[in-house]
Protein backbone atom coordinates (compact mmCIF):
# COMPACT_ATOMS: atom_id res chain seq x y z
CA MET A 1 -26.47 -12.47 0.86
CA ASP A 2 -23.71 -15.21 0.79
CA ALA A 3 -20.40 -14.55 -1.27
CA ASN A 4 -21.47 -17.02 -4.14
CA SER A 5 -24.70 -15.21 -4.50
CA LEU A 6 -22.96 -11.81 -4.55
CA TRP A 7 -20.29 -12.65 -6.67
CA ASP A 8 -22.81 -14.22 -8.99
CA GLU A 9 -24.69 -10.70 -9.57
CA ILE A 10 -21.45 -8.72 -9.50
CA ASN A 11 -20.11 -10.98 -12.29
CA SER A 12 -23.15 -10.30 -14.45
CA LEU A 13 -22.55 -6.88 -14.58
CA LEU A 14 -18.65 -6.91 -15.05
CA LYS A 15 -19.36 -9.29 -18.30
CA ASN A 16 -20.78 -6.00 -19.97
CA ASP A 17 -17.37 -3.80 -19.43
CA PHE A 18 -14.97 -6.59 -20.98
CA THR A 19 -14.62 -7.94 -24.44
CA ALA A 20 -15.04 -11.71 -24.63
CA VAL A 21 -11.63 -12.18 -24.68
CA SER A 22 -10.34 -9.93 -21.73
CA TYR A 23 -13.52 -11.51 -19.79
CA ARG A 24 -12.32 -15.10 -20.16
CA THR A 25 -8.63 -14.17 -19.59
CA TRP A 26 -9.50 -12.40 -15.94
CA PHE A 27 -12.55 -13.82 -14.99
CA SER A 28 -13.01 -17.44 -15.97
CA ASN A 29 -11.25 -19.02 -13.21
CA VAL A 30 -12.40 -16.82 -10.17
CA LYS A 31 -13.46 -18.57 -7.12
CA PRO A 32 -15.70 -16.70 -4.37
CA LEU A 33 -14.59 -17.90 -0.98
CA LYS A 34 -16.52 -15.87 1.87
CA LEU A 35 -18.25 -12.83 2.49
CA ASP A 36 -17.51 -11.51 5.93
CA HIS A 37 -17.33 -8.27 7.72
CA ASP A 38 -17.87 -6.53 4.16
CA GLN A 39 -15.06 -8.09 2.48
CA LEU A 40 -15.56 -10.33 -0.36
CA THR A 41 -13.09 -13.02 -0.69
CA LEU A 42 -12.12 -14.00 -3.88
CA GLN A 43 -9.57 -16.72 -5.18
CA LEU A 44 -7.54 -15.68 -8.35
CA PRO A 45 -5.38 -18.07 -10.29
CA SER A 46 -2.09 -16.30 -10.31
CA VAL A 47 -0.03 -13.07 -8.96
CA LEU A 48 -0.67 -11.57 -12.41
CA HIS A 49 -4.19 -11.62 -12.00
CA VAL A 50 -4.12 -10.21 -8.71
CA GLU A 51 -1.83 -7.32 -9.99
CA TYR A 52 -4.37 -6.96 -12.61
CA TRP A 53 -7.32 -6.87 -10.61
CA GLN A 54 -5.87 -4.51 -7.99
CA LYS A 55 -5.25 -1.86 -10.52
CA ASN A 56 -8.36 -2.32 -13.01
CA ILE A 57 -11.05 -4.46 -11.49
CA SER A 58 -11.29 -3.92 -8.09
CA SER A 59 -12.79 -0.54 -8.08
CA LYS A 60 -15.61 -1.92 -10.54
CA VAL A 61 -16.16 -4.83 -8.02
CA ILE A 62 -16.55 -2.29 -5.21
CA GLU A 63 -18.74 -0.26 -7.30
CA TYR A 64 -21.27 -2.97 -8.22
CA ALA A 65 -21.25 -4.55 -4.76
CA PHE A 66 -22.40 -1.13 -3.58
CA GLN A 67 -25.18 -0.97 -6.08
CA LEU A 68 -26.33 -4.35 -5.25
CA THR A 69 -26.03 -4.01 -1.00
CA GLY A 70 -25.69 -0.51 -0.28
CA LYS A 71 -22.55 -1.23 1.31
CA ASP A 72 -18.99 -0.70 0.90
CA ILE A 73 -17.53 -4.21 0.06
CA THR A 74 -13.96 -4.68 -0.31
CA PRO A 75 -12.70 -7.41 -2.41
CA VAL A 76 -9.66 -9.45 -0.71
CA LEU A 77 -7.72 -11.23 -3.44
CA MET A 78 -5.74 -14.17 -2.98
CA THR A 79 -3.86 -16.69 -4.90
CA GLU A 80 -4.44 -20.45 -4.69
CA ASN A 81 -1.13 -20.95 -3.01
CA GLN A 82 -1.97 -18.20 -0.47
CA VAL A 83 -5.49 -19.74 0.26
CA LYS A 84 -3.44 -23.34 0.86
CA ASP A 85 -1.38 -21.39 3.24
CA GLU A 86 -3.98 -19.72 5.31
CA GLN A 87 -5.86 -23.00 5.42
CA GLN A 88 -2.78 -24.71 6.86
CA ALA A 89 -2.20 -22.03 9.44
CA GLN A 90 -5.96 -22.47 10.51
CA ALA A 91 -5.44 -26.33 10.88
CA GLU A 92 -2.56 -25.95 12.86
CA PRO A 93 -3.13 -22.77 15.20
CA LEU A 94 -0.17 -21.61 17.05
CA LEU A 95 0.18 -19.94 20.65
CA TYR A 96 1.72 -17.26 19.02
CA PRO A 97 3.92 -17.15 15.68
CA THR A 98 7.57 -18.03 15.93
CA GLU A 99 10.62 -17.13 14.18
CA SER A 100 9.82 -19.86 11.48
CA ASP A 101 6.50 -17.96 10.73
CA GLU A 102 6.55 -17.23 7.01
CA SER A 103 5.37 -13.49 7.48
CA ASP A 104 8.54 -12.96 9.87
CA GLN A 105 11.06 -13.90 7.09
CA LEU A 106 12.90 -11.57 5.00
CA ASP A 107 12.58 -11.36 1.35
CA PRO A 108 15.74 -12.69 -0.04
CA ASN A 109 14.78 -10.28 -3.15
CA TYR A 110 15.13 -7.39 -0.87
CA THR A 111 19.01 -6.72 -1.03
CA PHE A 112 21.14 -3.66 -1.58
CA ASP A 113 22.14 -4.61 -5.18
CA LYS A 114 18.47 -4.88 -6.15
CA PHE A 115 17.59 -1.55 -4.85
CA VAL A 116 17.47 1.23 -7.76
CA VAL A 117 19.39 4.39 -6.26
CA GLY A 118 18.30 7.79 -7.23
CA LYS A 119 18.60 11.19 -5.57
CA GLN A 120 15.45 10.90 -3.81
CA ASN A 121 16.65 7.96 -2.19
CA MET A 122 20.40 8.16 -2.08
CA PHE A 123 20.80 9.52 1.56
CA ALA A 124 18.35 6.63 2.94
CA GLN A 125 20.31 4.11 0.81
CA ALA A 126 23.82 5.16 2.18
CA ALA A 127 22.32 5.36 5.78
CA ALA A 128 21.02 1.99 5.67
CA LEU A 129 24.20 0.47 4.20
CA SER A 130 26.31 2.43 7.07
CA VAL A 131 23.89 0.67 9.52
CA ALA A 132 24.17 -2.77 7.94
CA GLU A 133 28.07 -2.31 7.96
CA ASP A 134 28.09 -1.38 11.47
CA PRO A 135 25.08 -2.33 13.44
CA GLY A 136 24.43 -0.87 16.80
CA VAL A 137 26.92 1.92 16.16
CA THR A 138 26.44 4.61 13.46
CA TYR A 139 22.91 5.48 13.45
CA ASN A 140 20.34 3.46 16.30
CA PRO A 141 17.91 3.67 15.77
CA LEU A 142 17.44 4.12 11.97
CA LEU A 143 13.94 5.06 10.75
CA ILE A 144 13.14 5.12 7.04
CA TYR A 145 9.80 7.14 6.19
CA GLY A 146 8.22 8.18 3.15
CA GLY A 147 5.12 7.30 1.11
CA VAL A 148 3.52 4.12 0.13
CA GLY A 149 5.47 1.88 -2.43
CA LEU A 150 8.54 3.96 -2.32
CA GLY A 151 11.29 1.13 -1.11
CA LYS A 152 11.21 1.60 2.46
CA THR A 153 10.69 -2.16 3.60
CA HIS A 154 13.09 -3.20 0.78
CA LEU A 155 16.00 -1.07 2.23
CA MET A 156 14.87 -2.06 5.83
CA GLN A 157 15.02 -5.88 4.89
CA ALA A 158 18.48 -5.28 2.83
CA ILE A 159 20.25 -4.57 6.30
CA GLY A 160 18.65 -7.75 7.47
CA ASN A 161 19.68 -9.58 4.64
CA TYR A 162 23.28 -8.29 4.61
CA MET A 163 23.81 -8.77 8.06
CA LEU A 164 22.81 -12.48 7.81
CA GLU A 165 25.06 -12.78 4.57
CA GLN A 166 28.00 -11.63 6.59
CA ASP A 167 27.00 -13.84 9.88
CA PRO A 168 24.19 -16.19 9.33
CA SER A 169 24.28 -17.03 13.27
CA LYS A 170 23.12 -13.42 13.84
CA ASN A 171 19.45 -13.28 14.99
CA VAL A 172 17.45 -10.84 12.67
CA VAL A 173 13.89 -10.65 13.80
CA PHE A 174 11.68 -8.81 10.89
CA ILE A 175 7.90 -7.65 12.28
CA THR A 176 5.35 -5.66 11.35
CA SER A 177 4.00 -3.10 14.16
CA GLU A 178 0.52 -4.58 13.37
CA LYS A 179 1.65 -8.17 14.26
CA PHE A 180 3.88 -7.01 17.05
CA THR A 181 0.65 -5.45 18.59
CA ASN A 182 -1.31 -8.77 17.99
CA GLU A 183 1.32 -10.86 19.41
CA PHE A 184 1.78 -8.51 22.44
CA VAL A 185 -2.26 -8.76 23.02
CA SER A 186 -2.10 -12.56 22.55
CA ALA A 187 0.60 -12.80 25.26
CA VAL A 188 -1.23 -10.55 27.64
CA LYS A 189 -4.18 -12.74 27.57
CA ASP A 190 -2.35 -15.77 27.90
CA SER A 191 -0.60 -14.39 31.16
CA SER A 192 -3.70 -13.34 32.71
CA HIS A 193 -4.92 -16.99 32.47
CA GLY A 194 -1.41 -18.24 34.28
CA GLY A 195 0.24 -18.76 30.68
CA THR A 196 3.75 -18.27 29.80
CA GLU A 197 3.33 -16.75 26.30
CA MET A 198 4.60 -13.36 27.68
CA GLU A 199 7.89 -14.48 28.65
CA ARG A 200 8.44 -16.22 25.24
CA PHE A 201 7.38 -12.70 23.65
CA LYS A 202 9.87 -10.90 25.52
CA GLU A 203 12.62 -13.84 24.91
CA LYS A 204 11.90 -13.27 21.17
CA TYR A 205 12.02 -9.77 20.73
CA ARG A 206 14.92 -8.71 23.62
CA ASN A 207 17.36 -11.02 22.34
CA VAL A 208 18.02 -10.14 18.81
CA ASP A 209 20.77 -8.68 17.20
CA LEU A 210 18.87 -6.92 14.73
CA LEU A 211 15.18 -5.60 15.06
CA LEU A 212 13.19 -4.53 12.07
CA VAL A 213 9.87 -2.87 12.79
CA ASP A 214 7.81 -2.13 9.60
CA ASP A 215 4.86 0.79 9.58
CA ILE A 216 5.47 2.03 13.22
CA GLN A 217 2.65 4.50 12.63
CA PHE A 218 0.46 1.59 13.49
CA PHE A 219 1.51 1.84 17.22
CA SER A 220 -0.84 5.40 17.23
CA SER A 221 -3.31 5.26 20.15
CA LYS A 222 -2.09 1.61 21.33
CA ASP A 223 -0.76 2.72 24.96
CA LYS A 224 0.11 -0.68 26.29
CA THR A 225 1.72 -1.88 23.02
CA GLN A 226 3.98 1.49 23.07
CA GLU A 227 4.94 0.73 26.80
CA GLU A 228 5.98 -2.69 25.78
CA PHE A 229 7.73 -1.36 22.83
CA PHE A 230 9.64 1.25 24.91
CA HIS A 231 11.07 -1.31 27.41
CA THR A 232 12.00 -3.67 24.40
CA PHE A 233 13.51 -0.50 22.60
CA ASN A 234 15.50 0.46 25.89
CA GLU A 235 16.79 -2.89 26.29
CA LEU A 236 18.09 -3.56 22.71
CA ARG A 237 19.79 0.01 22.42
CA ASN A 238 21.51 -0.55 25.76
CA ASP A 239 23.08 -3.86 24.45
CA LYS A 240 23.86 -1.92 21.29
CA LYS A 241 21.75 -4.24 19.24
CA GLN A 242 20.30 -2.41 15.99
CA ILE A 243 16.77 -1.37 15.69
CA VAL A 244 15.67 -0.09 12.37
CA MET A 245 11.94 0.91 11.49
CA THR A 246 9.56 2.51 8.71
CA SER A 247 6.92 4.82 8.84
CA ASP A 248 4.84 6.53 6.82
CA ARG A 249 5.83 10.04 8.77
CA LEU A 250 8.08 11.41 11.07
CA PRO A 251 7.60 10.25 14.61
CA ASN A 252 6.65 13.60 16.12
CA GLU A 253 3.83 13.69 13.24
CA ILE A 254 2.15 10.52 14.36
CA SER A 255 -0.95 11.28 16.28
CA LYS A 256 -1.06 9.95 19.95
CA LEU A 257 2.34 8.42 19.87
CA GLN A 258 4.04 8.92 23.26
CA ASP A 259 6.48 11.56 24.06
CA ARG A 260 8.95 9.35 25.45
CA LEU A 261 8.95 7.06 22.16
CA VAL A 262 9.15 9.90 19.87
CA SER A 263 12.13 11.15 22.02
CA ARG A 264 13.91 7.79 21.93
CA PHE A 265 13.25 7.56 18.09
CA ASN A 266 14.98 10.84 17.62
CA TRP A 267 18.15 9.57 19.02
CA GLY A 268 19.25 8.10 16.13
CA LEU A 269 18.79 9.34 12.44
CA SER A 270 15.54 9.47 10.34
CA VAL A 271 15.92 9.34 6.39
CA SER A 272 12.90 9.89 4.15
CA ILE A 273 12.44 8.41 0.62
CA GLU A 274 10.67 10.66 -1.72
CA GLU A 275 8.77 9.72 -5.01
CA PRO A 276 11.35 8.99 -7.73
CA ASP A 277 12.21 11.38 -10.71
CA VAL A 278 11.81 10.29 -14.23
CA ALA A 279 15.49 9.10 -14.46
CA THR A 280 14.95 6.82 -11.50
CA ARG A 281 11.67 5.57 -12.60
CA THR A 282 13.20 4.66 -15.72
CA LYS A 283 16.12 3.05 -13.75
CA ILE A 284 13.48 0.93 -11.74
CA LEU A 285 11.71 0.15 -14.90
CA GLN A 286 14.79 -1.15 -16.85
CA SER A 287 15.71 -3.25 -13.40
CA LYS A 288 12.18 -5.04 -13.08
CA ALA A 289 12.46 -5.53 -16.91
CA LYS A 290 15.74 -7.19 -16.80
CA TYR A 291 14.81 -9.33 -13.55
CA SER A 292 11.19 -10.42 -15.33
CA LYS A 293 13.01 -10.98 -18.47
CA ILE A 294 10.50 -8.47 -20.46
CA SER A 295 11.64 -7.61 -23.76
CA ILE A 296 11.26 -3.98 -24.12
CA THR A 297 12.48 -1.03 -25.73
CA GLU A 298 14.51 1.54 -23.79
CA GLU A 299 12.39 4.59 -25.33
CA ALA A 300 9.28 2.24 -24.20
CA LEU A 301 10.35 2.12 -20.66
CA GLU A 302 11.17 5.77 -20.61
CA TYR A 303 7.61 6.58 -22.08
CA LEU A 304 6.37 4.60 -19.37
CA ALA A 305 8.16 6.12 -16.54
CA LYS A 306 6.97 9.65 -17.50
CA GLN A 307 3.36 8.52 -17.56
CA VAL A 308 3.52 6.87 -14.06
CA ASP A 309 4.51 9.15 -11.36
CA SER A 310 3.51 7.94 -8.22
CA ASN A 311 5.47 5.10 -6.56
CA VAL A 312 7.53 1.93 -7.45
CA ARG A 313 4.72 -0.41 -6.78
CA GLU A 314 2.53 1.59 -9.48
CA LEU A 315 5.58 1.29 -12.04
CA GLU A 316 5.92 -2.61 -11.19
CA SER A 317 1.97 -2.64 -12.07
CA ALA A 318 2.06 -0.78 -14.97
CA LEU A 319 4.93 -2.98 -16.39
CA SER A 320 3.20 -6.11 -15.60
CA GLN A 321 0.08 -5.03 -17.21
CA VAL A 322 2.03 -3.74 -20.40
CA LYS A 323 3.47 -7.41 -20.87
CA ALA A 324 0.30 -8.95 -19.91
CA PHE A 325 -1.44 -6.79 -22.52
CA SER A 326 1.17 -7.37 -25.11
CA ASP A 327 1.07 -11.32 -24.69
CA PHE A 328 -2.74 -11.74 -24.64
CA ASN A 329 -3.05 -9.26 -27.67
CA GLY A 330 -0.42 -10.66 -30.04
CA GLY A 331 2.32 -7.79 -29.57
CA PRO A 332 5.51 -7.56 -31.08
CA SER A 333 8.51 -9.61 -30.21
CA ARG A 334 9.95 -6.38 -28.40
CA ILE A 335 7.33 -4.25 -26.85
CA ASN A 336 7.59 -0.73 -28.26
CA ILE A 337 5.96 2.75 -27.56
CA PRO A 338 2.68 2.02 -29.67
CA MET A 339 2.11 -1.15 -27.36
CA VAL A 340 2.67 0.75 -24.02
CA LYS A 341 0.03 3.51 -25.15
CA SER A 342 -2.55 0.98 -25.95
CA ALA A 343 -1.92 -1.15 -23.03
CA ILE A 344 -2.20 1.88 -20.65
CA SER A 345 -4.91 3.95 -22.71
CA ASN A 346 -7.87 3.05 -20.65
CA HIS A 347 -6.02 3.29 -17.17
CA ASP A 348 -5.24 5.87 -14.47
CA PHE A 349 -1.46 5.89 -15.09
CA ALA A 350 -1.64 9.37 -16.47
CA SER A 351 1.05 11.89 -14.48
CA LYS A 352 -0.72 14.23 -12.33
CA VAL A 353 0.11 17.94 -12.39
CA ASP A 354 1.09 19.91 -9.16
CA HIS A 355 -1.33 22.36 -9.46
CA ASN A 356 -0.41 23.67 -5.84
CA VAL A 357 -3.85 22.96 -4.53
CA ASP A 358 -4.06 20.85 -1.23
CA ILE A 359 -6.89 18.61 0.09
CA GLU A 360 -7.97 21.62 2.53
CA ASP A 361 -8.14 24.01 -0.33
CA ILE A 362 -10.75 21.61 -2.23
CA LEU A 363 -12.69 20.70 0.90
CA GLU A 364 -13.22 24.73 1.35
CA GLY A 365 -13.85 24.89 -2.12
CA VAL A 366 -16.65 22.29 -2.41
CA SER A 367 -18.13 23.06 0.92
CA ALA A 368 -18.83 26.78 -0.15
CA TYR A 369 -19.92 25.55 -3.91
CA TYR A 370 -22.57 23.18 -2.45
CA ASN A 371 -23.21 25.02 0.81
CA VAL A 372 -22.28 21.89 2.82
CA SER A 373 -20.04 22.06 6.01
CA ILE A 374 -16.55 20.66 5.99
CA ASP A 375 -17.62 18.59 8.92
CA ASP A 376 -20.63 16.79 7.00
CA ILE A 377 -18.08 16.13 4.06
CA LYS A 378 -15.81 14.44 6.33
CA GLY A 379 -18.53 12.76 8.50
CA LYS A 380 -20.76 9.51 8.08
CA LYS A 381 -23.93 10.98 6.90
CA ARG A 382 -25.22 9.16 3.55
CA TYR A 383 -27.66 11.85 2.51
CA LYS A 384 -27.58 12.50 -1.15
CA GLU A 385 -26.90 16.21 -0.41
CA ILE A 386 -23.65 15.22 1.14
CA VAL A 387 -22.50 12.06 -0.60
CA ALA A 388 -22.37 13.88 -3.77
CA PRO A 389 -20.40 16.71 -2.65
CA ARG A 390 -18.06 14.37 -0.72
CA GLN A 391 -17.42 12.08 -3.86
CA VAL A 392 -16.69 15.48 -6.07
CA ALA A 393 -14.44 16.36 -3.10
CA MET A 394 -12.43 13.02 -3.28
CA TYR A 395 -12.57 13.06 -7.18
CA LEU A 396 -10.91 16.48 -7.23
CA SER A 397 -8.32 15.41 -4.46
CA ARG A 398 -7.06 12.38 -6.43
CA GLU A 399 -7.02 14.83 -9.79
CA LEU A 400 -5.49 17.74 -8.63
CA THR A 401 -3.11 16.62 -5.65
CA LYS A 402 -0.30 13.92 -5.50
CA THR A 403 -1.95 12.62 -2.46
CA SER A 404 -2.02 8.86 -1.97
CA LEU A 405 -5.31 7.15 -1.64
CA PRO A 406 -5.12 6.19 1.94
CA LYS A 407 -3.78 9.77 2.88
CA ILE A 408 -6.96 11.25 0.79
CA GLY A 409 -9.08 8.83 3.05
CA GLU A 410 -7.58 9.90 6.07
CA ALA A 411 -8.19 13.51 5.21
CA PHE A 412 -11.97 12.79 4.87
CA GLY A 413 -12.25 11.59 8.38
CA GLY A 414 -10.73 8.51 8.30
CA LYS A 415 -12.51 6.85 5.48
CA ASP A 416 -10.70 3.53 4.04
CA HIS A 417 -8.93 4.02 0.40
CA THR A 418 -11.58 1.82 -1.01
CA THR A 419 -13.95 4.47 -0.57
CA VAL A 420 -12.04 7.03 -2.27
CA ILE A 421 -11.71 4.74 -5.28
CA HIS A 422 -15.40 4.05 -5.38
CA ALA A 423 -15.79 7.99 -5.17
CA TYR A 424 -13.60 8.65 -7.78
CA ASP A 425 -14.94 5.92 -10.06
CA LYS A 426 -18.18 7.23 -9.71
CA ILE A 427 -17.32 10.77 -10.60
CA LYS A 428 -15.37 9.69 -13.70
CA ARG A 429 -17.69 7.43 -14.71
CA ALA A 430 -20.31 10.52 -15.05
CA LEU A 431 -17.86 12.75 -16.59
CA ASP A 432 -17.09 9.98 -19.10
CA ASN A 433 -20.77 9.38 -19.95
CA ASN A 434 -21.24 13.16 -20.08
CA ASP A 435 -23.37 13.80 -17.41
CA PRO A 436 -24.16 17.38 -17.65
CA GLN A 437 -24.92 18.43 -14.15
CA ILE A 438 -21.61 16.72 -13.05
CA LYS A 439 -19.48 17.91 -15.77
CA ASP A 440 -20.37 21.72 -15.09
CA GLU A 441 -19.98 21.35 -11.42
CA VAL A 442 -16.50 19.63 -11.61
CA ALA A 443 -15.58 22.37 -14.48
CA ASP A 444 -16.75 25.29 -12.15
CA LEU A 445 -14.62 23.87 -8.95
CA LYS A 446 -11.57 23.25 -11.00
CA MET A 447 -11.65 26.68 -12.29
CA GLU A 448 -12.22 28.05 -9.14
CA LEU A 449 -9.57 26.01 -7.30
CA LEU A 450 -6.98 26.57 -10.22
CA ARG A 451 -7.55 30.43 -10.35
């Protein structure tokens, strides 16, 4: 089955889930591009469409694709401009990415004055500003760690933007750890054939004033890359050049990260960013509304802040959705609480309550209830007797904990977050349709876990 035929079948199923107006708005200009390695690439008209799809439609596509093919197929969403950029990059291949590569560039919007400070990120912001004002001296390296969408990358890039604002001649390099790894692997292959790419690779990363490395947890298990980064790190620090990194956890919690790297990373300062409280979430929404010129009452912003308690990306996505809903449904000139309630009523933005239940509790409870081993629940077997309990366990993990989707997937044997979405939506749909067996099973398990 190719991309067009699969999309046609999914599209016909999606028509039943939306009103005619909504369907025209969100689906009329969708273009299937390719189906490759269980990924269905779709072109959407705008960034707003991508944001709306990520929150409200992608999980449905995953579900229907699974019904049609029996495979976990992930939708990859791209705007027309992104497609053009990718096509141009493929038409003009490079030996390795240079400093002019767009993905190496700092986002000019990631500045200190646009970073909303609250008590959960105040220390991290202060440390980052201190490093920006006195690079290579105060805290070197600086590691900013925390969950997805909390502002780690924003704060890290703010350091780079600040340094360049003070002195445009400074050499600032921003790179994800994944891309660093890919470039290193490419350089090794080139060198094995007598090429000079390794020299250029070292020149790029060892002759900088500031090196910004995003998501260092990706270095896990990559021994050769870790060795190269170790030498890069040492050379930069010995030259008093600043290193700033982000991670989703502390270095000593990253599996298969070499002890010598953990030791080096601990030479500096590690600061965490936690999930924002209601007051900070409200300030973030106020800033986003002002920047995006969204007319909305303060009461509506505070109400929305109380409903979305996960991270900054979710907050911004929720506000964009509210704005789109108001525009498409002829809302008031200034968005109010009733409009916000209508916009998010059918979506999973509701706050989760901390029940002091963790995923291990849920796995043990589900294992005992269904008489299925925890290893099978975490494993890859697709027997109905195992798949159903696994999906219930994933549903409960999302309902009863504040754990992010990627971390839930990791707790279930390294599953992809889209698998968690598929499982959650399947159980939720069964509950919404009053499936008596699922309702009883979920109710029994909740009662036992919350006892």
